[in-house]
Amino acid sequence: MRDWYWWMLLGMAIVTYIPRAFPLTFLEGKELPPVISGVLRNIPYAVLGALIFPAVIYIQEGNILFGVFGSIVAFALAFLFQNVMIVVLGTIGFLAIYSLLF
């Protein structure tokens, strides 16, 4: 392999390691203010929404309704049952039937 590959791999490792090591070393045993703690608690949900939303739009080429209906069913199942397996399997089942009908 070429040298640039190893430098790139080392750079990615460092960039990934720093944000993980910083809180563990400097914030260990310290209590964060409630506002910061609340913001940090909600970051995974914001990132998940940012990753999922484009996939909903482009899930099936030429048919935006496929993704929109799938997301509506997923939201409804999540609201009613709050079990990830029920949400995933129910949405897959709905979209399988929808794709057969339309």
PDB file of N, CA and C in Angstrom:
ATOM      1  N   MET A   1       0.838  -1.184   0.000  1.00  0.00           N
ATOM      2  CA  MET A   1       0.000   0.000   0.000  1.00  0.00           C
ATOM      3  C   MET A   1       0.876   1.238   0.000  1.00  0.00           C
ATOM      4  N   ARG A   2       0.287   2.264  -0.443  1.00  0.00           N
ATOM      5  CA  ARG A   2       1.049   3.513  -0.526  1.00  0.00           C
ATOM      6  C   ARG A   2       1.107   4.205   0.831  1.00  0.00           C
ATOM      7  N   ASP A   3       2.053   5.112   0.955  1.00  0.00           N
ATOM      8  CA  ASP A   3       2.256   5.818   2.235  1.00  0.00           C
ATOM      9  C   ASP A   3       1.055   6.673   2.623  1.00  0.00           C
ATOM     10  N   TRP A   4       0.385   7.289   1.641  1.00  0.00           N
ATOM     11  CA  TRP A   4      -0.728   8.180   1.964  1.00  0.00           C
ATOM     12  C   TRP A   4      -1.852   7.417   2.660  1.00  0.00           C
ATOM     13  N   TYR A   5      -1.996   6.143   2.336  1.00  0.00           N
ATOM     14  CA  TYR A   5      -3.040   5.333   2.963  1.00  0.00           C
ATOM     15  C   TYR A   5      -2.811   5.230   4.466  1.00  0.00           C
ATOM     16  N   TRP A   6      -1.590   4.948   4.867  1.00  0.00           N
ATOM     17  CA  TRP A   6      -1.282   4.816   6.293  1.00  0.00           C
ATOM     18  C   TRP A   6      -1.404   6.139   7.024  1.00  0.00           C
ATOM     19  N   TRP A   7      -0.993   7.246   6.371  1.00  0.00           N
ATOM     20  CA  TRP A   7      -1.141   8.558   6.995  1.00  0.00           C
ATOM     21  C   TRP A   7      -2.623   8.914   7.161  1.00  0.00           C
ATOM     22  N   MET A   8      -3.417   8.570   6.157  1.00  0.00           N
ATOM     23  CA  MET A   8      -4.847   8.846   6.238  1.00  0.00           C
ATOM     24  C   MET A   8      -5.481   8.003   7.350  1.00  0.00           C
ATOM     25  N   LEU A   9      -5.095   6.747   7.444  1.00  0.00           N
ATOM     26  CA  LEU A   9      -5.616   5.870   8.490  1.00  0.00           C
ATOM     27  C   LEU A   9      -5.228   6.376   9.880  1.00  0.00           C
ATOM     28  N   LEU A  10      -3.994   6.810  10.050  1.00  0.00           N
ATOM     29  CA  LEU A  10      -3.542   7.367  11.320  1.00  0.00           C
ATOM     30  C   LEU A  10      -4.301   8.650  11.651  1.00  0.00           C
ATOM     31  N   GLY A  11      -4.498   9.510  10.652  1.00  0.00           N
ATOM     32  CA  GLY A  11      -5.244  10.753  10.877  1.00  0.00           C
ATOM     33  C   GLY A  11      -6.679  10.495  11.300  1.00  0.00           C
ATOM     34  N   MET A  12      -7.340   9.533  10.640  1.00  0.00           N
ATOM     35  CA  MET A  12      -8.712   9.205  11.016  1.00  0.00           C
ATOM     36  C   MET A  12      -8.777   8.619  12.420  1.00  0.00           C
ATOM     37  N   ALA A  13      -7.786   7.828  12.787  1.00  0.00           N
ATOM     38  CA  ALA A  13      -7.755   7.258  14.132  1.00  0.00           C
ATOM     39  C   ALA A  13      -7.604   8.352  15.189  1.00  0.00           C
ATOM     40  N   ILE A  14      -6.731   9.312  14.927  1.00  0.00           N
ATOM     41  CA  ILE A  14      -6.522  10.407  15.882  1.00  0.00           C
ATOM     42  C   ILE A  14      -7.769  11.268  16.000  1.00  0.00           C
ATOM     43  N   VAL A  15      -8.370  11.603  14.862  1.00  0.00           N
ATOM     44  CA  VAL A  15      -9.569  12.447  14.872  1.00  0.00           C
ATOM     45  C   VAL A  15     -10.726  11.745  15.571  1.00  0.00           C
ATOM     46  N   THR A  16     -10.799  10.439  15.483  1.00  0.00           N
ATOM     47  CA  THR A  16     -11.851   9.694  16.158  1.00  0.00           C
ATOM     48  C   THR A  16     -11.546   9.529  17.646  1.00  0.00           C
ATOM     49  N   TYR A  17     -10.278   9.381  17.985  1.00  0.00           N
ATOM     50  CA  TYR A  17      -9.892   9.126  19.366  1.00  0.00           C
ATOM     51  C   TYR A  17     -10.031  10.366  20.253  1.00  0.00           C
ATOM     52  N   ILE A  18      -9.674  11.521  19.756  1.00  0.00           N
ATOM     53  CA  ILE A  18      -9.658  12.748  20.573  1.00  0.00           C
ATOM     54  C   ILE A  18     -11.027  13.063  21.171  1.00  0.00           C
ATOM     55  N   PRO A  19     -12.124  13.110  20.391  1.00  0.00           N
ATOM     56  CA  PRO A  19     -13.416  13.427  21.028  1.00  0.00           C
ATOM     57  C   PRO A  19     -13.887  12.382  22.029  1.00  0.00           C
ATOM     58  N   ARG A  20     -13.394  11.166  21.917  1.00  0.00           N
ATOM     59  CA  ARG A  20     -13.788  10.141  22.879  1.00  0.00           C
ATOM     60  C   ARG A  20     -12.932  10.171  24.132  1.00  0.00           C
ATOM     61  N   ALA A  21     -11.667  10.476  23.971  1.00  0.00           N
ATOM     62  CA  ALA A  21     -10.754  10.468  25.116  1.00  0.00           C
ATOM     63  C   ALA A  21     -10.887  11.732  25.956  1.00  0.00           C
ATOM     64  N   PHE A  22     -11.205  12.855  25.334  1.00  0.00           N
ATOM     65  CA  PHE A  22     -11.279  14.126  26.058  1.00  0.00           C
ATOM     66  C   PHE A  22     -12.267  14.071  27.225  1.00  0.00           C
ATOM     67  N   PRO A  23     -13.525  13.674  26.998  1.00  0.00           N
ATOM     68  CA  PRO A  23     -14.440  13.638  28.152  1.00  0.00           C
ATOM     69  C   PRO A  23     -14.032  12.622  29.211  1.00  0.00           C
ATOM     70  N   LEU A  24     -13.480  11.501  28.787  1.00  0.00           N
ATOM     71  CA  LEU A  24     -13.104  10.483  29.765  1.00  0.00           C
ATOM     72  C   LEU A  24     -11.969  10.944  30.670  1.00  0.00           C
ATOM     73  N   THR A  25     -11.034  11.720  30.127  1.00  0.00           N
ATOM     74  CA  THR A  25      -9.888  12.130  30.933  1.00  0.00           C
ATOM     75  C   THR A  25     -10.138  13.410  31.719  1.00  0.00           C
ATOM     76  N   PHE A  26     -10.801  14.368  31.127  1.00  0.00           N
ATOM     77  CA  PHE A  26     -10.938  15.678  31.785  1.00  0.00           C
ATOM     78  C   PHE A  26     -12.248  15.861  32.537  1.00  0.00           C
ATOM     79  N   LEU A  27     -13.263  15.081  32.222  1.00  0.00           N
ATOM     80  CA  LEU A  27     -14.552  15.269  32.883  1.00  0.00           C
ATOM     81  C   LEU A  27     -14.913  14.118  33.817  1.00  0.00           C
ATOM     82  N   GLU A  28     -13.971  13.236  34.062  1.00  0.00           N
ATOM     83  CA  GLU A  28     -14.257  12.076  34.905  1.00  0.00           C
ATOM     84  C   GLU A  28     -14.554  12.511  36.333  1.00  0.00           C
ATOM     85  N   GLY A  29     -15.679  12.070  36.844  1.00  0.00           N
ATOM     86  CA  GLY A  29     -16.062  12.368  38.219  1.00  0.00           C
ATOM     87  C   GLY A  29     -16.683  13.734  38.418  1.00  0.00           C
ATOM     88  N   LYS A  30     -16.791  14.538  37.380  1.00  0.00           N
ATOM     89  CA  LYS A  30     -17.394  15.868  37.497  1.00  0.00           C
ATOM     90  C   LYS A  30     -18.840  15.816  37.022  1.00  0.00           C
ATOM     91  N   GLU A  31     -19.678  16.557  37.672  1.00  0.00           N
ATOM     92  CA  GLU A  31     -21.089  16.643  37.312  1.00  0.00           C
ATOM     93  C   GLU A  31     -21.285  17.811  36.355  1.00  0.00           C
ATOM     94  N   LEU A  32     -21.904  17.540  35.218  1.00  0.00           N
ATOM     95  CA  LEU A  32     -22.178  18.590  34.236  1.00  0.00           C
ATOM     96  C   LEU A  32     -23.438  19.340  34.625  1.00  0.00           C
ATOM     97  N   PRO A  33     -23.538  20.610  34.235  1.00  0.00           N
ATOM     98  CA  PRO A  33     -24.779  21.347  34.487  1.00  0.00           C
ATOM     99  C   PRO A  33     -25.953  20.669  33.775  1.00  0.00           C
ATOM    100  N   PRO A  34     -27.152  20.805  34.318  1.00  0.00           N
ATOM    101  CA  PRO A  34     -28.317  20.128  33.726  1.00  0.00           C
ATOM    102  C   PRO A  34     -28.579  20.523  32.272  1.00  0.00           C
ATOM    103  N   VAL A  35     -28.307  21.768  31.911  1.00  0.00           N
ATOM    104  CA  VAL A  35     -28.549  22.215  30.538  1.00  0.00           C
ATOM    105  C   VAL A  35     -27.633  21.470  29.574  1.00  0.00           C
ATOM    106  N   ILE A  36     -26.356  21.394  29.893  1.00  0.00           N
ATOM    107  CA  ILE A  36     -25.393  20.697  29.029  1.00  0.00           C
ATOM    108  C   ILE A  36     -25.700  19.207  29.002  1.00  0.00           C
ATOM    109  N   SER A  37     -26.048  18.658  30.127  1.00  0.00           N
ATOM    110  CA  SER A  37     -26.396  17.244  30.203  1.00  0.00           C
ATOM    111  C   SER A  37     -27.615  16.933  29.341  1.00  0.00           C
ATOM    112  N   GLY A  38     -28.605  17.811  29.349  1.00  0.00           N
ATOM    113  CA  GLY A  38     -29.802  17.623  28.518  1.00  0.00           C
ATOM    114  C   GLY A  38     -29.493  17.693  27.034  1.00  0.00           C
ATOM    115  N   VAL A  39     -28.630  18.636  26.653  1.00  0.00           N
ATOM    116  CA  VAL A  39     -28.245  18.761  25.241  1.00  0.00           C
ATOM    117  C   VAL A  39     -27.493  17.515  24.798  1.00  0.00           C
ATOM    118  N   LEU A  40     -26.549  17.060  25.591  1.00  0.00           N
ATOM    119  CA  LEU A  40     -25.770  15.877  25.233  1.00  0.00           C
ATOM    120  C   LEU A  40     -26.635  14.619  25.165  1.00  0.00           C
ATOM    121  N   ARG A  41     -27.658  14.565  25.977  1.00  0.00           N
ATOM    122  CA  ARG A  41     -28.549  13.416  25.966  1.00  0.00           C
ATOM    123  C   ARG A  41     -29.373  13.347  24.679  1.00  0.00           C
ATOM    124  N   ASN A  42     -29.639  14.502  24.055  1.00  0.00           N
ATOM    125  CA  ASN A  42     -30.476  14.538  22.856  1.00  0.00           C
ATOM    126  C   ASN A  42     -29.691  14.473  21.552  1.00  0.00           C
ATOM    127  N   ILE A  43     -28.387  14.520  21.598  1.00  0.00           N
ATOM    128  CA  ILE A  43     -27.575  14.491  20.371  1.00  0.00           C
ATOM    129  C   ILE A  43     -27.800  13.205  19.573  1.00  0.00           C
ATOM    130  N   PRO A  44     -27.843  12.027  20.172  1.00  0.00           N
ATOM    131  CA  PRO A  44     -28.063  10.825  19.344  1.00  0.00           C
ATOM    132  C   PRO A  44     -29.366  10.869  18.545  1.00  0.00           C
ATOM    133  N   TYR A  45     -30.417  11.433  19.114  1.00  0.00           N
ATOM    134  CA  TYR A  45     -31.688  11.518  18.397  1.00  0.00           C
ATOM    135  C   TYR A  45     -31.592  12.488  17.228  1.00  0.00           C
ATOM    136  N   ALA A  46     -30.892  13.588  17.409  1.00  0.00           N
ATOM    137  CA  ALA A  46     -30.725  14.557  16.321  1.00  0.00           C
ATOM    138  C   ALA A  46     -29.903  13.962  15.184  1.00  0.00           C
ATOM    139  N   VAL A  47     -28.846  13.256  15.518  1.00  0.00           N
ATOM    140  CA  VAL A  47     -28.009  12.632  14.490  1.00  0.00           C
ATOM    141  C   VAL A  47     -28.788  11.537  13.770  1.00  0.00           C
ATOM    142  N   LEU A  48     -29.543  10.765  14.504  1.00  0.00           N
ATOM    143  CA  LEU A  48     -30.333   9.713  13.895  1.00  0.00           C
ATOM    144  C   LEU A  48     -31.354  10.295  12.921  1.00  0.00           C
ATOM    145  N   GLY A  49     -31.991  11.383  13.298  1.00  0.00           N
ATOM    146  CA  GLY A  49     -32.928  12.044  12.386  1.00  0.00           C
ATOM    147  C   GLY A  49     -32.245  12.573  11.146  1.00  0.00           C
ATOM    148  N   ALA A  50     -31.058  13.130  11.304  1.00  0.00           N
ATOM    149  CA  ALA A  50     -30.320  13.650  10.153  1.00  0.00           C
ATOM    150  C   ALA A  50     -29.872  12.534   9.217  1.00  0.00           C
ATOM    151  N   LEU A  51     -29.620  11.361   9.744  1.00  0.00           N
ATOM    152  CA  LEU A  51     -29.233  10.230   8.899  1.00  0.00           C
ATOM    153  C   LEU A  51     -30.436   9.579   8.222  1.00  0.00           C
ATOM    154  N   ILE A  52     -31.557   9.522   8.902  1.00  0.00           N
ATOM    155  CA  ILE A  52     -32.711   8.817   8.376  1.00  0.00           C
ATOM    156  C   ILE A  52     -33.499   9.657   7.372  1.00  0.00           C
ATOM    157  N   PHE A  53     -33.629  10.956   7.579  1.00  0.00           N
ATOM    158  CA  PHE A  53     -34.496  11.773   6.727  1.00  0.00           C
ATOM    159  C   PHE A  53     -34.132  11.702   5.248  1.00  0.00           C
ATOM    160  N   PRO A  54     -32.860  11.842   4.852  1.00  0.00           N
ATOM    161  CA  PRO A  54     -32.562  11.709   3.416  1.00  0.00           C
ATOM    162  C   PRO A  54     -32.882  10.315   2.874  1.00  0.00           C
ATOM    163  N   ALA A  55     -32.724   9.295   3.679  1.00  0.00           N
ATOM    164  CA  ALA A  55     -33.043   7.944   3.227  1.00  0.00           C
ATOM    165  C   ALA A  55     -34.538   7.777   2.999  1.00  0.00           C
ATOM    166  N   VAL A  56     -35.355   8.476   3.773  1.00  0.00           N
ATOM    167  CA  VAL A  56     -36.810   8.412   3.578  1.00  0.00           C
ATOM    168  C   VAL A  56     -37.181   8.997   2.221  1.00  0.00           C
ATOM    169  N   ILE A  57     -36.527  10.078   1.841  1.00  0.00           N
ATOM    170  CA  ILE A  57     -36.846  10.741   0.572  1.00  0.00           C
ATOM    171  C   ILE A  57     -36.397   9.896  -0.617  1.00  0.00           C
ATOM    172  N   TYR A  58     -35.231   9.277  -0.529  1.00  0.00           N
ATOM    173  CA  TYR A  58     -34.641   8.589  -1.679  1.00  0.00           C
ATOM    174  C   TYR A  58     -34.685   7.067  -1.576  1.00  0.00           C
ATOM    175  N   ILE A  59     -35.581   6.508  -0.767  1.00  0.00           N
ATOM    176  CA  ILE A  59     -35.584   5.064  -0.567  1.00  0.00           C
ATOM    177  C   ILE A  59     -35.975   4.311  -1.834  1.00  0.00           C
ATOM    178  N   GLN A  60     -36.897   4.839  -2.599  1.00  0.00           N
ATOM    179  CA  GLN A  60     -37.300   4.201  -3.848  1.00  0.00           C
ATOM    180  C   GLN A  60     -37.334   5.281  -4.920  1.00  0.00           C
ATOM    181  N   GLU A  61     -36.532   5.092  -5.938  1.00  0.00           N
ATOM    182  CA  GLU A  61     -36.383   6.109  -6.978  1.00  0.00           C
ATOM    183  C   GLU A  61     -37.718   6.350  -7.688  1.00  0.00           C
ATOM    184  N   GLY A  62     -38.104   7.608  -7.755  1.00  0.00           N
ATOM    185  CA  GLY A  62     -39.329   7.985  -8.444  1.00  0.00           C
ATOM    186  C   GLY A  62     -40.596   7.843  -7.630  1.00  0.00           C
ATOM    187  N   ASN A  63     -40.509   7.381  -6.399  1.00  0.00           N
ATOM    188  CA  ASN A  63     -41.702   7.189  -5.577  1.00  0.00           C
ATOM    189  C   ASN A  63     -41.433   7.683  -4.162  1.00  0.00           C
ATOM    190  N   ILE A  64     -41.621   8.963  -3.953  1.00  0.00           N
ATOM    191  CA  ILE A  64     -41.384   9.548  -2.628  1.00  0.00           C
ATOM    192  C   ILE A  64     -42.419   9.055  -1.623  1.00  0.00           C
ATOM    193  N   LEU A  65     -43.628   8.744  -2.099  1.00  0.00           N
ATOM    194  CA  LEU A  65     -44.675   8.289  -1.190  1.00  0.00           C
ATOM    195  C   LEU A  65     -44.297   6.995  -0.475  1.00  0.00           C
ATOM    196  N   PHE A  66     -43.485   6.170  -1.089  1.00  0.00           N
ATOM    197  CA  PHE A  66     -43.029   4.929  -0.460  1.00  0.00           C
ATOM    198  C   PHE A  66     -42.328   5.232   0.865  1.00  0.00           C
ATOM    199  N   GLY A  67     -41.406   6.175   0.844  1.00  0.00           N
ATOM    200  CA  GLY A  67     -40.692   6.559   2.061  1.00  0.00           C
ATOM    201  C   GLY A  67     -41.562   7.310   3.039  1.00  0.00           C
ATOM    202  N   VAL A  68     -42.425   8.173   2.518  1.00  0.00           N
ATOM    203  CA  VAL A  68     -43.296   8.961   3.394  1.00  0.00           C
ATOM    204  C   VAL A  68     -44.266   8.052   4.138  1.00  0.00           C
ATOM    205  N   PHE A  69     -44.904   7.125   3.410  1.00  0.00           N
ATOM    206  CA  PHE A  69     -45.833   6.203   4.068  1.00  0.00           C
ATOM    207  C   PHE A  69     -45.104   5.295   5.052  1.00  0.00           C
ATOM    208  N   GLY A  70     -43.921   4.854   4.682  1.00  0.00           N
ATOM    209  CA  GLY A  70     -43.132   4.020   5.590  1.00  0.00           C
ATOM    210  C   GLY A  70     -42.775   4.744   6.866  1.00  0.00           C
ATOM    211  N   SER A  71     -42.405   6.011   6.749  1.00  0.00           N
ATOM    212  CA  SER A  71     -42.057   6.773   7.954  1.00  0.00           C
ATOM    213  C   SER A  71     -43.283   7.057   8.812  1.00  0.00           C
ATOM    214  N   ILE A  72     -44.428   7.286   8.187  1.00  0.00           N
ATOM    215  CA  ILE A  72     -45.663   7.502   8.955  1.00  0.00           C
ATOM    216  C   ILE A  72     -46.023   6.240   9.743  1.00  0.00           C
ATOM    217  N   VAL A  73     -45.928   5.088   9.094  1.00  0.00           N
ATOM    218  CA  VAL A  73     -46.218   3.828   9.778  1.00  0.00           C
ATOM    219  C   VAL A  73     -45.216   3.599  10.904  1.00  0.00           C
ATOM    220  N   ALA A  74     -43.940   3.888  10.651  1.00  0.00           N
ATOM    221  CA  ALA A  74     -42.919   3.696  11.685  1.00  0.00           C
ATOM    222  C   ALA A  74     -43.177   4.608  12.883  1.00  0.00           C
ATOM    223  N   PHE A  75     -43.521   5.870  12.626  1.00  0.00           N
ATOM    224  CA  PHE A  75     -43.823   6.781  13.733  1.00  0.00           C
ATOM    225  C   PHE A  75     -45.044   6.305  14.526  1.00  0.00           C
ATOM    226  N   ALA A  76     -46.074   5.858  13.814  1.00  0.00           N
ATOM    227  CA  ALA A  76     -47.286   5.401  14.496  1.00  0.00           C
ATOM    228  C   ALA A  76     -46.998   4.166  15.348  1.00  0.00           C
ATOM    229  N   LEU A  77     -46.257   3.215  14.785  1.00  0.00           N
ATOM    230  CA  LEU A  77     -45.928   2.008  15.555  1.00  0.00           C
ATOM    231  C   LEU A  77     -45.030   2.334  16.742  1.00  0.00           C
ATOM    232  N   ALA A  78     -44.098   3.250  16.559  1.00  0.00           N
ATOM    233  CA  ALA A  78     -43.218   3.634  17.666  1.00  0.00           C
ATOM    234  C   ALA A  78     -44.007   4.322  18.773  1.00  0.00           C
ATOM    235  N   PHE A  79     -44.983   5.137  18.385  1.00  0.00           N
ATOM    236  CA  PHE A  79     -45.799   5.835  19.373  1.00  0.00           C
ATOM    237  C   PHE A  79     -46.690   4.855  20.138  1.00  0.00           C
ATOM    238  N   LEU A  80     -47.217   3.863  19.419  1.00  0.00           N
ATOM    239  CA  LEU A  80     -48.141   2.925  20.051  1.00  0.00           C
ATOM    240  C   LEU A  80     -47.446   1.855  20.871  1.00  0.00           C
ATOM    241  N   PHE A  81     -46.343   1.308  20.352  1.00  0.00           N
ATOM    242  CA  PHE A  81     -45.738   0.141  20.993  1.00  0.00           C
ATOM    243  C   PHE A  81     -44.395   0.411  21.650  1.00  0.00           C
ATOM    244  N   GLN A  82     -43.591   1.309  21.126  1.00  0.00           N
ATOM    245  CA  GLN A  82     -42.275   1.678  21.649  1.00  0.00           C
ATOM    246  C   GLN A  82     -41.315   0.497  21.734  1.00  0.00           C
ATOM    247  N   ASN A  83     -41.519  -0.500  20.903  1.00  0.00           N
ATOM    248  CA  ASN A  83     -40.616  -1.635  20.819  1.00  0.00           C
ATOM    249  C   ASN A  83     -39.977  -1.600  19.438  1.00  0.00           C
ATOM    250  N   VAL A  84     -38.664  -1.572  19.374  1.00  0.00           N
ATOM    251  CA  VAL A  84     -37.961  -1.386  18.109  1.00  0.00           C
ATOM    252  C   VAL A  84     -38.265  -2.517  17.134  1.00  0.00           C
ATOM    253  N   MET A  85     -38.324  -3.743  17.629  1.00  0.00           N
ATOM    254  CA  MET A  85     -38.586  -4.871  16.735  1.00  0.00           C
ATOM    255  C   MET A  85     -39.970  -4.790  16.111  1.00  0.00           C
ATOM    256  N   ILE A  86     -40.960  -4.368  16.883  1.00  0.00           N
ATOM    257  CA  ILE A  86     -42.308  -4.216  16.342  1.00  0.00           C
ATOM    258  C   ILE A  86     -42.326  -3.118  15.292  1.00  0.00           C
ATOM    259  N   VAL A  87     -41.630  -2.023  15.560  1.00  0.00           N
ATOM    260  CA  VAL A  87     -41.581  -0.913  14.603  1.00  0.00           C
ATOM    261  C   VAL A  87     -40.913  -1.354  13.305  1.00  0.00           C
ATOM    262  N   VAL A  88     -39.767  -1.997  13.398  1.00  0.00           N
ATOM    263  CA  VAL A  88     -39.023  -2.404  12.203  1.00  0.00           C
ATOM    264  C   VAL A  88     -39.807  -3.441  11.408  1.00  0.00           C
ATOM    265  N   LEU A  89     -40.266  -4.488  12.067  1.00  0.00           N
ATOM    266  CA  LEU A  89     -40.983  -5.545  11.358  1.00  0.00           C
ATOM    267  C   LEU A  89     -42.329  -5.062  10.811  1.00  0.00           C
ATOM    268  N   GLY A  90     -43.016  -4.231  11.569  1.00  0.00           N
ATOM    269  CA  GLY A  90     -44.288  -3.687  11.086  1.00  0.00           C
ATOM    270  C   GLY A  90     -44.116  -2.790   9.876  1.00  0.00           C
ATOM    271  N   THR A  91     -43.095  -1.968   9.893  1.00  0.00           N
ATOM    272  CA  THR A  91     -42.836  -1.083   8.760  1.00  0.00           C
ATOM    273  C   THR A  91     -42.405  -1.878   7.536  1.00  0.00           C
ATOM    274  N   ILE A  92     -41.558  -2.876   7.728  1.00  0.00           N
ATOM    275  CA  ILE A  92     -41.147  -3.717   6.601  1.00  0.00           C
ATOM    276  C   ILE A  92     -42.360  -4.447   6.022  1.00  0.00           C
ATOM    277  N   GLY A  93     -43.208  -4.964   6.876  1.00  0.00           N
ATOM    278  CA  GLY A  93     -44.411  -5.645   6.402  1.00  0.00           C
ATOM    279  C   GLY A  93     -45.332  -4.712   5.633  1.00  0.00           C
ATOM    280  N   PHE A  94     -45.540  -3.513   6.163  1.00  0.00           N
ATOM    281  CA  PHE A  94     -46.390  -2.544   5.481  1.00  0.00           C
ATOM    282  C   PHE A  94     -45.821  -2.184   4.114  1.00  0.00           C
ATOM    283  N   LEU A  95     -44.516  -1.914   4.059  1.00  0.00           N
ATOM    284  CA  LEU A  95     -43.911  -1.526   2.785  1.00  0.00           C
ATOM    285  C   LEU A  95     -43.878  -2.684   1.796  1.00  0.00           C
ATOM    286  N   ALA A  96     -43.779  -3.907   2.286  1.00  0.00           N
ATOM    287  CA  ALA A  96     -43.843  -5.068   1.373  1.00  0.00           C
ATOM    288  C   ALA A  96     -45.237  -5.157   0.739  1.00  0.00           C
ATOM    289  N   ILE A  97     -46.265  -4.990   1.535  1.00  0.00           N
ATOM    290  CA  ILE A  97     -47.626  -5.015   0.996  1.00  0.00           C
ATOM    291  C   ILE A  97     -47.848  -3.823   0.071  1.00  0.00           C
ATOM    292  N   TYR A  98     -47.374  -2.648   0.473  1.00  0.00           N
ATOM    293  CA  TYR A  98     -47.525  -1.449  -0.361  1.00  0.00           C
ATOM    294  C   TYR A  98     -46.840  -1.624  -1.711  1.00  0.00           C
ATOM    295  N   SER A  99     -45.644  -2.234  -1.719  1.00  0.00           N
ATOM    296  CA  SER A  99     -44.933  -2.414  -2.984  1.00  0.00           C
ATOM    297  C   SER A  99     -45.624  -3.437  -3.877  1.00  0.00           C
ATOM    298  N   LEU A 100     -46.326  -4.412  -3.289  1.00  0.00           N
ATOM    299  CA  LEU A 100     -47.074  -5.367  -4.096  1.00  0.00           C
ATOM    300  C   LEU A 100     -48.318  -4.735  -4.715  1.00  0.00           C
ATOM    301  N   LEU A 101     -48.941  -3.834  -3.978  1.00  0.00           N
ATOM    302  CA  LEU A 101     -50.177  -3.200  -4.458  1.00  0.00           C
ATOM    303  C   LEU A 101     -49.914  -2.063  -5.438  1.00  0.00           C
ATOM    304  N   PHE A 102     -48.840  -1.336  -5.227  1.00  0.00           N
ATOM    305  CA  PHE A 102     -48.571  -0.164  -6.081  1.00  0.00           C
ATOM    306  C   PHE A 102     -47.260  -0.377  -6.748  1.00  0.00           C
TER     307      PHE A 102
END
